[in-house]
Amino acid sequence: MYTFRQARTQADYEALYKLCYRAYCVERKWLPAKNYSDQTEKDIYDRSSTIFSSRTGSMRFPFIISSTPPSVAGKNEY
């Protein structure tokens, strides 16, 4: 069974950015770790996103739901 928790504080967000870094850059190597000197994986859209963490037993996973408004997304290239 999975449980979900929404990030609400800056500490919550930073913990999830670090978890994303570990998952995407270190473990999976989907992104180059050298591009993230602070060991947090985030981008310009994260300021407008609702971010959740999911957990099953002792394992925690980042689960990100983007809620980027069209006015923000339209100004930036992917």
Protein backbone atom coordinates (compact mmCIF):
# COMPACT_ATOMS: atom_id res chain seq x y z
CA MET A 1 0.00 0.00 0.00
CA TYR A 2 1.22 3.48 -0.87
CA THR A 3 0.69 6.62 1.16
CA PHE A 4 1.05 10.11 -0.27
CA ARG A 5 2.06 13.35 1.43
CA GLN A 6 2.04 16.81 -0.11
CA ALA A 7 5.11 19.00 0.34
CA ARG A 8 4.04 22.08 2.29
CA THR A 9 7.18 23.63 3.76
CA GLN A 10 10.47 24.67 2.21
CA ALA A 11 12.11 21.79 4.12
CA ASP A 12 9.62 19.35 2.52
CA TYR A 13 10.43 20.67 -0.95
CA GLU A 14 14.20 20.54 -0.38
CA ALA A 15 13.97 16.94 0.87
CA LEU A 16 12.06 15.95 -2.28
CA TYR A 17 14.50 17.80 -4.58
CA LYS A 18 17.34 15.84 -2.93
CA LEU A 19 15.39 12.61 -3.36
CA CYS A 20 14.85 13.40 -7.05
CA TYR A 21 18.56 14.09 -7.46
CA ARG A 22 19.44 10.77 -5.88
CA ALA A 23 16.91 8.87 -7.99
CA TYR A 24 17.42 10.60 -11.35
CA CYS A 25 21.13 11.50 -11.24
CA VAL A 26 22.82 8.98 -8.97
CA GLU A 27 20.81 5.78 -9.13
CA ARG A 28 19.22 5.87 -12.61
CA LYS A 29 21.73 8.21 -14.25
CA TRP A 30 18.98 9.76 -16.37
CA LEU A 31 20.43 13.23 -15.72
CA PRO A 32 24.11 14.21 -15.39
CA ALA A 33 24.93 14.69 -11.69
CA LYS A 34 27.61 17.26 -12.58
CA ASN A 35 24.81 19.69 -13.59
CA TYR A 36 23.43 19.73 -10.02
CA SER A 37 26.19 21.04 -7.75
CA ASP A 38 23.80 21.50 -4.82
CA GLN A 39 22.62 17.87 -5.21
CA THR A 40 18.99 18.91 -5.71
CA GLU A 41 17.13 18.21 -8.95
CA LYS A 42 14.67 20.98 -9.74
CA ASP A 43 13.78 23.27 -12.62
CA ILE A 44 11.93 26.50 -13.36
CA TYR A 45 8.55 24.76 -13.29
CA ASP A 46 8.89 23.44 -9.75
CA ARG A 47 7.96 26.83 -8.26
CA SER A 48 4.51 26.37 -9.80
CA SER A 49 4.15 22.65 -9.13
CA THR A 50 2.42 20.71 -6.43
CA ILE A 51 4.82 18.02 -5.23
CA PHE A 52 3.99 14.84 -3.37
CA SER A 53 6.11 12.08 -1.92
CA SER A 54 4.87 8.53 -1.93
CA ARG A 55 5.87 5.85 0.50
CA THR A 56 5.50 2.12 0.76
CA GLY A 57 6.88 0.62 3.94
CA SER A 58 10.31 2.15 4.50
CA MET A 59 10.79 3.18 0.85
CA ARG A 60 10.04 6.75 -0.28
CA PHE A 61 9.61 7.88 -3.89
CA PRO A 62 9.18 11.33 -5.45
CA PHE A 63 5.85 11.78 -7.16
CA ILE A 64 5.49 15.11 -8.90
CA ILE A 65 2.29 16.61 -10.18
CA SER A 66 2.83 19.69 -12.29
CA SER A 67 0.31 22.44 -11.94
CA THR A 68 2.17 24.97 -14.06
CA PRO A 69 -0.19 27.71 -15.25
CA PRO A 70 -0.31 28.16 -19.05
CA SER A 71 0.95 31.75 -18.66
CA VAL A 72 4.18 30.43 -17.11
CA ALA A 73 4.58 27.42 -19.39
CA GLY A 74 4.01 29.50 -22.50
CA LYS A 75 6.95 31.79 -21.69
CA ASN A 76 9.50 29.00 -21.46
CA GLU A 77 10.80 26.41 -23.86
CA TYR A 78 10.99 22.78 -22.76
